[in-house]
Amino acid sequence: MRATAHNQRLLRGQSPSYERLQARFAEEHGDGISQPQIVHCGWGRLLIGHTFPDAAVLAEELLSEQPGERDIALYVAAPQQVLAQAPQQLFLDPSDTLRLWFSDYRQARRGFRGFRVRRAQTDADWQAINCLYQTRGMLPIDTAKLTPRHQGGPVYWLAEDEDNGAVIGSVMGLNHQKAYQDPELGSSLWCLAVDPACSRPGVGEVLVRHLIEHFMSRGLSHLDLSVLHDNDQAKKLYAKLGFRELQTFSIKRKNGINQPLFLGPGPDDNLNPYARIIVDEARRRGIDAHIDDAEAGLFTLSQGGRRIRCRESLTDLTSAVTMTLCQDKRLTHRTLSRAGLSLPAQRLAGSAEDNAAFLAEHGSLVVKPVDGEQGQGVAVDLRTPAEVQAAIERAQPFDERVLLESYHEGYDLRIVVIGFEVVAAAIRRPAEVLGDGRHTIGELIDAQSRRRQAATGGESRIPKDAETLRTLHAAGYDYDSVLPQGKRMAVRKTANLHTGGILEDVTGILHPTLAEAAVKAARALDIPVVGLDLLVPAADQPEHVFIEANERAGLANHEPQPTAERFIDLLFPLSHGVGD
């Protein structure tokens, strides 16, 4: 039966059931016999529940899941029977299943520009998709395991930036009619991901619409997808497109990948990404992690007779004196200066006349609180006495003592040193938006902030504060301005990740002089774990100026570099290699 608006309305409201679909298979095949249908997606298998003859066979197949993969049994009409086969090893997925009947679909009234959607084809495409998936905490695709397309396997699509060719989004689609001769002519969407650093609006929506319209052109009737029950941002998008809840069930095998789904909220549920990456690595090695205060990122790691307290990457190994050297930027400056390292000129903010004289001497200044973090109260590239005075007043709520520093052009480079060895290096770029000729800058900032917050557990967003407004005014814009199509504009001067900055890993090209200087700085401060900030013309050139040292470096910001692994190696040397 072909998909029509009439028969779609008749089927609407009827959940997939083994009995009804099996009867349809009998009608299609004559003998009523159908083989269990399995599709490998590269990260695991989809087990089509209603094609399995009984619950025991489906449970047995789920229990054969391979290490490092994630199998999903979907359209399971009697999940209680499957769970009863292995209640300690299987669980009911708490995600919601949504369905869009194509007769309900309405095409977009406006278009999004600046990127194209195409199929993944080359090794470079797969590598780019896997990098994207890993940044979003998703499993990578092993193309050698994919069910071939001519056998009903999935198709991966990617969104490619037209300016630089970067892969900024990806989605997987499955044609059910090809995959298992679905008598209801369905399809499904999986693995939607958008680069959290992408500044182009609408990438996720365009990928979903592309998949819908692709399957509509193939004569199919509907598109299903699974979304975590608490992913409100994604649900709003799907509701806008016309998706409705579908009363069906999926079952998975319990493993380390999906552990939060079957254990539910625990004492570590509120850990931020910087604490969680360490706790997860410790537990992977069998090290006990006791959460002392999840909101503050405080936990205690224990193994044998060794016990170490941590606040994210700050540990008992860092002395109180060393911590003071990092927190007080004046002491940091003096300590590194005595070590012979290159630093900007610095002084405490004083009278308006003294501040103006310092500005006249250096031409452009940076203002920052003496004791501050996460980019709070920092203003960069100030060129007039009025700008300097306003920045001082904005910094004082964070610390009454305010520093003035000479401003130096260059890229903001973060080098992570653990155990006096360089583990990771990344260029940090200020938050920017990309004009599309339609949305205001304020709307672009809001869209970018939502994406960053979703990707970082709320740790990163672009604040619409006085510093952002100053940056816009300096460029001749405000929040209500509409940027021309394709125009990029930085909306912050500082590159701090908490204010929407983005990272570009440069560990592999870091100049030896920069690495040596970073280790020298760590030894001068006598700190075992530190994030050092420098300004450089390029990561592969030796010129540099040290800005500051962070005693509580965010290790989660540097994937795929093994920051958490080297951190646990430092704390528990005997655990090295355990769990690999």
Protein backbone atom coordinates (compact mmCIF):
# COMPACT_ATOMS: atom_id res chain seq x y z
CA MET A 1 0.00 0.00 0.00
CA ARG A 2 1.57 3.33 -1.09
CA ALA A 3 1.83 6.21 1.34
CA THR A 4 -1.09 8.62 0.99
CA ALA A 5 -2.50 11.32 3.23
CA HIS A 6 -5.63 9.18 3.69
CA ASN A 7 -3.98 5.96 4.86
CA GLN A 8 -1.48 7.95 6.97
CA ARG A 9 -4.41 9.45 8.87
CA LEU A 10 -5.83 5.95 9.37
CA LEU A 11 -2.54 4.64 10.77
CA ARG A 12 -1.89 7.71 12.92
CA GLY A 13 -2.32 6.87 16.57
CA GLN A 14 -1.64 3.15 16.03
CA SER A 15 1.62 2.28 17.76
CA PRO A 16 3.81 -0.27 16.01
CA SER A 17 2.91 -3.72 17.36
CA TYR A 18 4.48 -7.09 16.74
CA GLU A 19 1.12 -8.67 15.97
CA ARG A 20 -0.06 -6.06 13.46
CA LEU A 21 3.27 -5.72 11.69
CA GLN A 22 3.80 -9.48 11.64
CA ALA A 23 0.42 -9.82 9.96
CA ARG A 24 1.49 -7.29 7.39
CA PHE A 25 4.68 -9.28 6.80
CA ALA A 26 2.57 -12.40 6.33
CA GLU A 27 0.48 -10.56 3.77
CA GLU A 28 3.59 -9.37 1.95
CA HIS A 29 5.55 -12.64 2.08
CA GLY A 30 2.80 -15.17 1.80
CA ASP A 31 4.22 -17.71 4.26
CA GLY A 32 4.29 -15.30 7.17
CA ILE A 33 7.94 -16.13 7.86
CA SER A 34 10.48 -13.31 8.16
CA GLN A 35 14.08 -13.36 9.38
CA PRO A 36 15.15 -11.07 12.23
CA GLN A 37 16.41 -7.84 10.70
CA ILE A 38 19.63 -6.19 11.93
CA VAL A 39 21.36 -3.10 10.54
CA HIS A 40 24.89 -2.11 11.58
CA CYS A 41 25.34 1.67 11.76
CA GLY A 42 29.10 1.78 12.39
CA TRP A 43 28.68 2.58 16.11
CA GLY A 44 26.44 -0.39 16.86
CA ARG A 45 23.43 -2.28 15.55
CA LEU A 46 19.75 -1.49 15.18
CA LEU A 47 17.66 -4.58 15.99
CA ILE A 48 14.20 -4.28 14.45
CA GLY A 49 12.12 -5.63 17.34
CA HIS A 50 8.95 -6.69 15.52
CA THR A 51 10.96 -8.87 13.07
CA PHE A 52 12.19 -11.16 15.87
CA PRO A 53 10.10 -14.32 16.41
CA ASP A 54 10.11 -14.12 20.22
CA ALA A 55 11.48 -12.20 23.19
CA ALA A 56 14.21 -14.75 24.00
CA VAL A 57 15.82 -14.44 20.55
CA LEU A 58 15.82 -10.64 20.75
CA ALA A 59 17.31 -10.68 24.26
CA GLU A 60 20.02 -13.10 23.16
CA GLU A 61 20.96 -10.83 20.27
CA LEU A 62 21.17 -7.78 22.55
CA LEU A 63 23.44 -9.70 24.92
CA SER A 64 25.86 -10.36 22.06
CA GLU A 65 26.66 -6.65 21.78
CA GLN A 66 30.37 -6.11 21.04
CA PRO A 67 32.61 -4.10 23.43
CA GLY A 68 32.75 -0.40 22.59
CA GLU A 69 29.51 -0.51 20.58
CA ARG A 70 25.92 0.46 21.34
CA ASP A 71 23.11 -1.77 20.10
CA ILE A 72 19.48 -0.62 20.15
CA ALA A 73 16.36 -2.77 19.85
CA LEU A 74 13.56 -0.54 18.61
CA TYR A 75 9.83 -1.04 17.98
CA VAL A 76 9.64 -3.57 20.81
CA ALA A 77 5.92 -4.05 21.45
CA ALA A 78 6.27 -6.23 24.59
CA PRO A 79 9.41 -4.93 26.31
CA GLN A 80 8.57 -6.59 29.61
CA GLN A 81 8.99 -10.00 27.99
CA VAL A 82 12.43 -9.11 26.64
CA LEU A 83 13.61 -7.55 29.91
CA ALA A 84 12.46 -10.64 31.80
CA GLN A 85 15.02 -12.71 29.87
CA ALA A 86 17.98 -10.80 31.40
CA PRO A 87 16.78 -8.19 33.91
CA GLN A 88 20.29 -7.55 35.26
CA GLN A 89 21.79 -6.88 31.84
CA LEU A 90 19.06 -5.13 29.81
CA PHE A 91 17.13 -1.91 30.41
CA LEU A 92 14.35 0.16 28.90
CA ASP A 93 15.72 3.24 27.16
CA PRO A 94 14.19 6.39 28.74
CA SER A 95 14.37 8.31 25.45
CA ASP A 96 11.18 9.43 23.71
CA THR A 97 10.34 8.26 20.20
CA LEU A 98 8.86 10.89 17.90
CA ARG A 99 7.24 10.48 14.48
CA LEU A 100 6.58 12.92 11.65
CA TRP A 101 3.91 11.86 9.18
CA PHE A 102 4.97 13.35 5.87
CA SER A 103 1.42 14.49 5.21
CA ASP A 104 1.93 16.91 8.15
CA TYR A 105 5.22 18.29 6.89
CA ARG A 106 5.50 21.89 5.69
CA GLN A 107 8.55 23.16 3.86
CA ALA A 108 10.61 25.96 5.37
CA ARG A 109 9.42 29.49 4.65
CA ARG A 110 12.97 30.81 4.68
CA GLY A 111 16.29 29.37 3.68
CA PHE A 112 19.63 29.15 5.46
CA ARG A 113 22.76 29.97 3.54
CA GLY A 114 26.51 29.47 3.82
CA PHE A 115 26.65 25.67 3.89
CA ARG A 116 25.69 22.72 1.73
CA VAL A 117 24.43 19.23 2.58
CA ARG A 118 25.89 16.17 0.87
CA ARG A 119 26.51 12.49 1.51
CA ALA A 120 29.61 11.29 3.36
CA GLN A 121 31.81 9.51 0.85
CA THR A 122 35.57 9.88 1.40
CA ASP A 123 37.85 8.84 4.26
CA ALA A 124 38.29 12.53 5.05
CA ASP A 125 34.51 12.87 5.38
CA TRP A 126 34.31 9.99 7.85
CA GLN A 127 37.26 11.34 9.84
CA ALA A 128 35.61 14.77 10.06
CA ILE A 129 32.28 13.26 11.18
CA ASN A 130 34.03 11.19 13.84
CA CYS A 131 35.85 14.26 15.17
CA LEU A 132 32.50 16.02 15.37
CA TYR A 133 30.85 13.08 17.12
CA GLN A 134 33.67 12.82 19.66
CA THR A 135 33.32 16.49 20.58
CA ARG A 136 29.65 15.81 21.32
CA GLY A 137 30.39 12.69 23.39
CA MET A 138 29.07 10.33 20.70
CA LEU A 139 30.54 7.05 19.49
CA PRO A 140 32.66 7.19 16.31
CA ILE A 141 31.69 5.33 13.14
CA ASP A 142 33.65 2.27 12.04
CA THR A 143 32.97 2.24 8.32
CA ALA A 144 34.25 -1.33 8.00
CA LYS A 145 31.26 -2.52 10.04
CA LEU A 146 28.55 -0.51 8.25
CA THR A 147 25.81 -2.52 6.59
CA PRO A 148 26.27 -1.72 2.87
CA ARG A 149 23.70 0.63 1.36
CA HIS A 150 22.68 -1.90 -1.28
CA GLN A 151 21.76 -4.24 1.59
CA GLY A 152 19.62 -1.60 3.29
CA GLY A 153 22.36 0.07 5.32
CA PRO A 154 22.23 3.67 6.55
CA VAL A 155 23.26 6.84 4.74
CA TYR A 156 25.26 9.56 6.49
CA TRP A 157 24.86 13.15 5.40
CA LEU A 158 27.06 16.05 6.38
CA ALA A 159 26.76 19.83 6.38
CA GLU A 160 29.81 21.50 4.87
CA ASP A 161 30.73 25.15 5.32
CA GLU A 162 30.92 26.80 1.91
CA ASP A 163 33.71 29.17 2.98
CA ASN A 164 36.28 26.71 4.31
CA GLY A 165 34.91 23.23 3.61
CA ALA A 166 34.72 22.36 7.33
CA VAL A 167 32.19 19.73 8.40
CA ILE A 168 29.83 21.55 10.77
CA GLY A 169 27.06 18.96 11.15
CA SER A 170 26.04 15.40 10.38
CA VAL A 171 23.03 13.11 10.49
CA MET A 172 22.26 9.48 9.70
CA GLY A 173 19.14 8.30 7.88
CA LEU A 174 17.71 4.81 7.46
CA ASN A 175 15.20 3.79 4.78
CA HIS A 176 13.09 1.13 6.49
CA GLN A 177 11.65 -0.17 3.26
CA LYS A 178 15.13 -0.98 1.98
CA ALA A 179 16.46 -2.09 5.35
CA TYR A 180 13.76 -4.63 6.22
CA GLN A 181 10.92 -4.30 3.70
CA ASP A 182 8.86 -2.26 6.14
CA PRO A 183 5.22 -2.63 5.04
CA GLU A 184 4.44 0.79 6.55
CA LEU A 185 7.13 2.50 4.41
CA GLY A 186 8.86 4.27 7.29
CA SER A 187 12.28 5.80 7.82
CA SER A 188 14.30 7.05 10.78
CA LEU A 189 16.84 9.68 11.80
CA TRP A 190 19.84 9.03 14.03
CA CYS A 191 23.00 10.73 15.30
CA LEU A 192 22.17 14.36 14.58
CA ALA A 193 25.13 16.51 15.65
CA VAL A 194 26.17 20.11 15.02
CA ASP A 195 29.62 21.54 15.78
CA PRO A 196 29.21 23.58 18.99
CA ALA A 197 31.70 26.11 17.59
CA CYS A 198 29.67 26.57 14.39
CA SER A 199 28.53 30.17 13.99
CA ARG A 200 26.07 29.52 11.16
CA PRO A 201 22.41 29.35 12.25
CA GLY A 202 19.99 26.60 11.22
CA VAL A 203 22.42 23.73 10.55
CA GLY A 204 20.50 21.18 12.64
CA GLU A 205 17.14 22.20 11.20
CA VAL A 206 18.43 22.01 7.62
CA LEU A 207 19.88 18.52 8.18
CA VAL A 208 16.55 17.27 9.57
CA ARG A 209 14.59 18.87 6.74
CA HIS A 210 16.98 17.45 4.16
CA LEU A 211 16.43 13.95 5.50
CA ILE A 212 12.65 14.41 5.57
CA GLU A 213 12.51 15.66 1.99
CA HIS A 214 14.93 12.97 0.80
CA PHE A 215 12.71 10.19 2.16
CA MET A 216 9.54 11.90 0.95
CA SER A 217 10.98 11.83 -2.56
CA ARG A 218 11.45 8.06 -2.15
CA GLY A 219 7.72 7.54 -1.56
CA LEU A 220 8.01 6.82 2.18
CA SER A 221 5.34 7.80 4.68
CA HIS A 222 6.99 8.92 7.91
CA LEU A 223 10.23 9.60 9.79
CA ASP A 224 10.92 8.40 13.33
CA LEU A 225 13.62 9.53 15.73
CA SER A 226 14.69 8.98 19.32
CA VAL A 227 15.49 11.92 21.62
CA LEU A 228 16.47 12.00 25.29
CA HIS A 229 13.43 12.78 27.38
CA ASP A 230 15.08 15.88 28.92
CA ASN A 231 16.56 17.34 25.73
CA ASP A 232 14.15 20.28 25.61
CA GLN A 233 16.13 22.20 22.98
CA ALA A 234 15.93 19.35 20.46
CA LYS A 235 12.27 18.69 21.27
CA LYS A 236 11.39 22.30 20.46
CA LEU A 237 12.95 21.91 17.01
CA TYR A 238 11.12 18.64 16.34
CA ALA A 239 7.80 20.04 17.56
CA LYS A 240 8.22 23.00 15.20
CA LEU A 241 8.68 20.55 12.32
CA GLY A 242 5.51 18.61 13.21
CA PHE A 243 6.82 15.55 15.08
CA ARG A 244 4.49 13.83 17.56
CA GLU A 245 5.18 11.37 20.36
CA LEU A 246 4.99 7.70 19.41
CA GLN A 247 4.08 5.11 22.00
CA THR A 248 6.76 2.52 21.38
CA PHE A 249 9.78 1.20 23.26
CA SER A 250 13.50 0.63 22.80
CA ILE A 251 15.76 -1.69 24.78
CA LYS A 252 19.52 -1.57 25.28
CA ARG A 253 22.16 -3.62 27.04
CA LYS A 254 23.72 -2.07 30.12
CA ASN A 255 27.28 -0.90 29.52
CA GLY A 256 29.65 1.92 30.45
CA ILE A 257 28.53 4.01 27.49
CA ASN A 258 24.88 4.25 28.51
CA GLN A 259 25.34 3.89 32.28
CA PRO A 260 23.64 7.22 33.16
CA LEU A 261 20.48 6.08 31.36
CA PHE A 262 19.85 3.04 33.56
CA LEU A 263 21.42 4.20 36.84
CA GLY A 264 19.58 7.51 36.83
CA PRO A 265 20.76 10.65 38.64
CA GLY A 266 23.49 9.94 41.17
CA PRO A 267 25.66 12.05 43.48
CA ASP A 268 27.80 13.01 40.48
CA ASP A 269 24.88 14.06 38.29
CA ASN A 270 25.61 17.76 38.82
CA LEU A 271 29.35 17.55 38.15
CA ASN A 272 30.53 20.00 35.52
CA PRO A 273 32.47 18.68 32.50
CA TYR A 274 35.85 19.59 34.06
CA ALA A 275 35.26 17.41 37.11
CA ARG A 276 33.37 14.68 35.27
CA ILE A 277 36.17 13.92 32.79
CA ILE A 278 38.51 13.20 35.73
CA VAL A 279 35.99 11.15 37.73
CA ASP A 280 35.13 9.06 34.66
CA GLU A 281 38.80 8.31 33.96
CA ALA A 282 39.44 7.39 37.60
CA ARG A 283 36.50 5.00 37.73
CA ARG A 284 37.54 3.48 34.41
CA ARG A 285 40.75 2.41 36.17
CA GLY A 286 39.00 1.10 39.26
CA ILE A 287 39.89 4.11 41.42
CA ASP A 288 37.17 5.04 43.90
CA ALA A 289 35.68 8.50 43.37
CA HIS A 290 33.61 9.96 46.20
CA ILE A 291 31.66 13.10 45.29
CA ASP A 292 31.98 15.62 48.12
CA ASP A 293 30.20 18.57 46.50
CA ALA A 294 29.07 18.10 42.91
CA GLU A 295 28.07 21.71 42.37
CA ALA A 296 31.53 22.92 43.43
CA GLY A 297 33.36 20.17 41.52
CA LEU A 298 34.80 18.69 44.73
CA PHE A 299 35.60 14.97 44.91
CA THR A 300 38.03 12.58 46.59
CA LEU A 301 39.94 9.85 44.73
CA SER A 302 41.15 6.78 46.64
CA GLN A 303 43.12 3.68 45.71
CA GLY A 304 44.79 1.44 48.23
CA GLY A 305 46.31 3.67 50.89
CA ARG A 306 46.48 6.77 48.66
CA ARG A 307 43.78 9.41 48.99
CA ILE A 308 43.74 12.73 47.11
CA ARG A 309 41.15 15.49 47.26
CA CYS A 310 40.38 17.42 44.10
CA ARG A 311 38.46 20.41 42.91
CA GLU A 312 38.36 19.69 39.19
CA SER A 313 42.09 19.62 38.25
CA LEU A 314 43.24 21.37 41.46
CA THR A 315 44.49 18.79 43.97
CA ASP A 316 46.23 18.34 47.30
CA LEU A 317 49.47 18.20 45.31
CA THR A 318 49.26 21.96 44.69
CA SER A 319 50.43 23.86 47.77
CA ALA A 320 48.63 26.87 49.18
CA VAL A 321 51.62 29.07 48.37
CA THR A 322 51.67 27.91 44.73
CA MET A 323 47.94 28.51 44.45
CA THR A 324 48.46 32.07 45.70
CA LEU A 325 51.18 32.63 43.11
CA CYS A 326 48.66 31.78 40.36
CA GLN A 327 45.64 33.57 41.79
CA ASP A 328 47.40 36.89 42.40
CA LYS A 329 48.37 38.01 38.90
CA ARG A 330 50.96 40.41 40.32
CA LEU A 331 52.78 37.51 42.00
CA THR A 332 52.46 35.42 38.84
CA HIS A 333 54.06 38.25 36.86
CA ARG A 334 56.97 38.69 39.31
CA THR A 335 57.61 34.93 39.61
CA LEU A 336 57.74 34.37 35.86
CA SER A 337 59.76 37.53 35.33
CA ARG A 338 62.44 36.31 37.77
CA ALA A 339 62.55 33.08 35.75
CA GLY A 340 63.51 35.12 32.67
CA LEU A 341 60.26 34.62 30.79
CA SER A 342 58.70 37.16 28.43
CA LEU A 343 55.83 39.16 29.96
CA PRO A 344 53.77 42.31 29.25
CA ALA A 345 54.35 45.51 31.19
CA GLN A 346 52.12 45.63 34.25
CA ARG A 347 51.03 47.99 37.04
CA LEU A 348 48.15 48.46 39.45
CA ALA A 349 45.45 50.87 38.37
CA GLY A 350 45.94 54.20 40.13
CA SER A 351 44.80 57.72 39.56
CA ALA A 352 43.24 58.74 36.28
CA GLU A 353 46.45 60.66 35.44
CA ASP A 354 48.70 57.65 36.17
CA ASN A 355 46.44 55.34 34.14
CA ALA A 356 46.44 57.76 31.22
CA ALA A 357 50.23 58.00 31.33
CA PHE A 358 50.57 54.20 31.26
CA LEU A 359 48.15 54.11 28.31
CA ALA A 360 50.14 56.78 26.46
CA GLU A 361 53.33 54.76 27.02
CA HIS A 362 51.94 51.54 25.55
CA GLY A 363 49.18 52.68 23.18
CA SER A 364 46.67 50.00 24.14
CA LEU A 365 45.92 48.26 27.43
CA VAL A 366 44.33 45.21 29.02
CA VAL A 367 42.36 45.65 32.26
CA LYS A 368 41.79 42.70 34.61
CA PRO A 369 41.08 42.07 38.33
CA VAL A 370 44.11 40.94 40.34
CA ASP A 371 42.28 37.80 41.49
CA GLY A 372 39.79 36.69 38.84
CA GLU A 373 38.87 33.71 36.72
CA GLN A 374 36.80 32.65 33.72
CA GLY A 375 37.41 35.96 31.96
CA GLN A 376 35.30 37.89 34.46
CA GLY A 377 36.06 41.60 34.50
CA VAL A 378 38.64 41.40 31.71
CA ALA A 379 38.67 44.01 28.93
CA VAL A 380 41.13 43.97 26.04
CA ASP A 381 42.59 46.46 23.56
CA LEU A 382 41.52 49.65 25.33
CA ARG A 383 42.72 52.74 23.49
CA THR A 384 41.24 55.76 25.28
CA PRO A 385 41.37 56.94 28.91
CA ALA A 386 37.56 56.77 29.05
CA GLU A 387 37.56 53.13 27.94
CA VAL A 388 40.23 52.29 30.52
CA GLN A 389 38.33 53.99 33.36
CA ALA A 390 35.05 52.26 32.43
CA ALA A 391 36.82 48.88 32.29
CA ILE A 392 38.38 49.46 35.72
CA GLU A 393 34.95 50.12 37.18
CA ARG A 394 33.59 46.91 35.60
CA ALA A 395 36.52 44.89 37.01
CA GLN A 396 36.31 46.20 40.59
CA PRO A 397 33.27 44.08 41.62
CA PHE A 398 35.47 40.99 41.10
CA ASP A 399 38.46 42.44 42.98
CA GLU A 400 38.99 45.99 44.20
CA ARG A 401 42.58 45.69 43.03
CA VAL A 402 42.73 46.09 39.25
CA LEU A 403 45.70 45.55 36.95
CA LEU A 404 46.70 47.38 33.81
CA GLU A 405 48.84 45.53 31.27
CA SER A 406 50.30 46.46 27.92
CA TYR A 407 48.23 44.95 25.11
CA HIS A 408 50.00 42.62 22.67
CA GLU A 409 48.59 41.44 19.38
CA GLY A 410 48.43 37.70 18.79
CA TYR A 411 46.52 34.50 19.30
CA ASP A 412 45.54 33.36 22.78
CA LEU A 413 47.38 30.08 23.38
CA ARG A 414 46.59 27.76 26.31
CA ILE A 415 49.26 25.15 27.16
CA VAL A 416 48.41 22.45 29.71
CA VAL A 417 51.40 21.15 31.67
CA ILE A 418 50.97 18.05 33.86
CA GLY A 419 53.87 16.63 35.83
CA PHE A 420 56.14 19.21 34.13
CA GLU A 421 55.35 17.83 30.69
CA VAL A 422 53.28 19.51 27.98
CA VAL A 423 50.12 17.44 27.44
CA ALA A 424 47.96 19.73 25.30
CA ALA A 425 48.02 23.07 23.54
CA ALA A 426 45.19 24.96 21.89
CA ILE A 427 44.61 28.33 20.28
CA ARG A 428 41.61 30.01 21.89
CA ARG A 429 39.60 32.27 19.64
CA PRO A 430 37.07 34.87 20.80
CA ALA A 431 33.38 34.20 20.31
CA GLU A 432 32.23 35.26 16.86
CA VAL A 433 29.05 35.24 14.83
CA LEU A 434 28.53 34.79 11.12
CA GLY A 435 26.05 37.01 9.32
CA ASP A 436 23.31 35.59 7.10
CA GLY A 437 21.76 38.89 6.01
CA ARG A 438 18.58 38.16 7.97
CA HIS A 439 19.15 37.64 11.69
CA THR A 440 20.27 40.44 14.01
CA ILE A 441 23.56 40.16 15.83
CA GLY A 442 21.65 39.73 19.08
CA GLU A 443 19.73 36.78 17.61
CA LEU A 444 22.95 35.23 16.28
CA ILE A 445 24.56 35.57 19.70
CA ASP A 446 21.56 33.91 21.37
CA ALA A 447 21.63 30.99 18.89
CA GLN A 448 25.38 30.55 19.35
CA SER A 449 25.01 30.66 23.14
CA ARG A 450 22.31 27.97 23.14
CA ARG A 451 24.55 25.69 21.09
CA ARG A 452 27.57 26.32 23.32
CA GLN A 453 25.58 25.77 26.50
CA ALA A 454 24.15 22.50 25.20
CA ALA A 455 27.62 21.23 24.26
CA THR A 456 29.33 22.25 27.52
CA GLY A 457 26.68 21.47 30.10
CA GLY A 458 26.00 25.17 30.60
CA GLU A 459 29.66 26.07 31.13
CA SER A 460 30.07 28.28 28.05
CA ARG A 461 27.92 31.08 26.66
CA ILE A 462 28.33 34.53 25.13
CA PRO A 463 27.20 37.12 27.69
CA LYS A 464 25.35 40.11 26.31
CA ASP A 465 27.10 42.47 28.69
CA ALA A 466 28.94 45.79 28.52
CA GLU A 467 32.11 44.19 27.13
CA THR A 468 30.24 42.52 24.27
CA LEU A 469 28.42 45.76 23.52
CA ARG A 470 31.72 47.69 23.58
CA THR A 471 33.18 45.24 21.06
CA LEU A 472 30.15 45.68 18.79
CA HIS A 473 30.23 49.47 19.06
CA ALA A 474 33.93 49.50 18.20
CA ALA A 475 33.04 47.72 14.96
CA GLY A 476 30.14 50.07 14.25
CA TYR A 477 27.30 47.70 15.21
CA ASP A 478 24.88 46.95 18.02
CA TYR A 479 22.60 44.03 18.97
CA ASP A 480 19.92 45.09 16.49
CA SER A 481 22.29 45.29 13.51
CA VAL A 482 22.01 42.71 10.73
CA LEU A 483 25.35 41.45 9.45
CA PRO A 484 25.70 40.92 5.69
CA GLN A 485 25.67 37.36 4.38
CA GLY A 486 29.02 35.65 5.05
CA LYS A 487 30.52 38.39 7.26
CA ARG A 488 32.28 37.07 10.36
CA MET A 489 32.66 39.27 13.39
CA ALA A 490 34.18 38.70 16.82
CA VAL A 491 31.74 39.79 19.52
CA ARG A 492 34.28 39.56 22.37
CA LYS A 493 37.92 40.64 22.58
CA THR A 494 38.87 37.95 25.10
CA ALA A 495 39.01 34.28 24.08
CA ASN A 496 37.92 32.76 27.39
CA LEU A 497 35.87 29.59 26.88
CA HIS A 498 33.33 30.55 29.54
CA THR A 499 32.40 33.60 27.48
CA GLY A 500 31.87 31.66 24.26
CA GLY A 501 35.44 31.27 23.01
CA ILE A 502 36.37 28.26 20.91
CA LEU A 503 39.42 26.00 20.82
CA GLU A 504 41.65 24.79 18.00
CA ASP A 505 44.01 21.99 19.03
CA VAL A 506 47.64 22.81 18.07
CA THR A 507 49.49 20.26 20.21
CA GLY A 508 50.99 18.57 17.16
CA ILE A 509 52.53 21.77 15.77
CA LEU A 510 53.57 23.51 19.01
CA HIS A 511 56.98 25.13 18.61
CA PRO A 512 59.65 23.58 20.92
CA THR A 513 60.49 27.04 22.32
CA LEU A 514 56.90 27.46 23.51
CA ALA A 515 56.86 24.00 25.08
CA GLU A 516 60.14 24.66 26.87
CA ALA A 517 58.92 28.04 28.12
CA ALA A 518 55.71 26.46 29.46
CA VAL A 519 57.61 23.79 31.39
CA LYS A 520 60.00 26.47 32.72
CA ALA A 521 57.01 28.50 33.92
CA ALA A 522 55.44 25.46 35.63
CA ARG A 523 58.72 24.77 37.45
CA ALA A 524 59.09 28.41 38.46
CA LEU A 525 55.61 28.25 40.03
CA ASP A 526 56.33 24.71 41.30
CA ILE A 527 52.86 23.58 40.22
CA PRO A 528 52.13 19.99 39.11
CA VAL A 529 49.06 20.80 36.97
CA VAL A 530 48.64 24.17 35.31
CA GLY A 531 47.08 25.89 32.32
CA LEU A 532 49.40 28.61 31.01
CA ASP A 533 48.08 31.42 28.81
CA LEU A 534 50.33 33.04 26.23
CA LEU A 535 49.93 35.43 23.31
CA VAL A 536 51.66 34.20 20.17
CA PRO A 537 51.76 35.16 16.47
CA ALA A 538 51.33 31.45 15.67
CA ALA A 539 51.60 28.15 17.53
CA ASP A 540 54.48 27.00 15.34
CA GLN A 541 56.57 30.14 15.90
CA PRO A 542 58.81 30.84 18.94
CA GLU A 543 57.69 34.41 19.77
CA HIS A 544 55.46 34.67 22.84
CA VAL A 545 54.35 36.70 25.85
CA PHE A 546 53.01 35.03 29.02
CA ILE A 547 49.68 36.39 30.28
CA GLU A 548 48.76 34.31 33.33
CA ALA A 549 48.67 30.88 34.96
CA ASN A 550 45.52 28.93 35.85
CA GLU A 551 45.90 26.55 38.79
CA ARG A 552 42.57 24.88 37.92
CA ALA A 553 42.88 24.21 34.20
CA GLY A 554 39.82 22.84 32.36
CA LEU A 555 41.00 19.43 31.14
CA ALA A 556 37.73 18.74 29.29
CA ASN A 557 38.49 21.49 26.79
CA HIS A 558 41.36 19.69 25.06
CA GLU A 559 39.97 16.52 23.54
CA PRO A 560 41.30 14.45 21.83
CA GLN A 561 44.49 15.06 23.85
CA PRO A 562 44.77 12.65 26.85
CA THR A 563 44.58 15.29 29.58
CA ALA A 564 42.50 13.24 32.04
CA GLU A 565 44.66 10.17 31.46
CA ARG A 566 47.89 12.05 32.23
CA PHE A 567 46.24 13.71 35.22
CA ILE A 568 45.33 10.34 36.78
CA ASP A 569 48.81 9.01 35.86
CA LEU A 570 50.26 11.84 37.98
CA LEU A 571 47.96 11.20 40.95
CA PHE A 572 48.07 7.38 40.84
CA PRO A 573 51.20 6.24 38.92
CA LEU A 574 50.52 2.57 39.60
CA SER A 575 47.20 2.78 37.76
CA HIS A 576 48.90 3.67 34.46
CA GLY A 577 47.65 1.30 31.74
CA VAL A 578 44.82 -0.08 33.90
CA GLY A 579 41.53 -0.24 32.00
CA ASP A 580 43.14 0.10 28.56
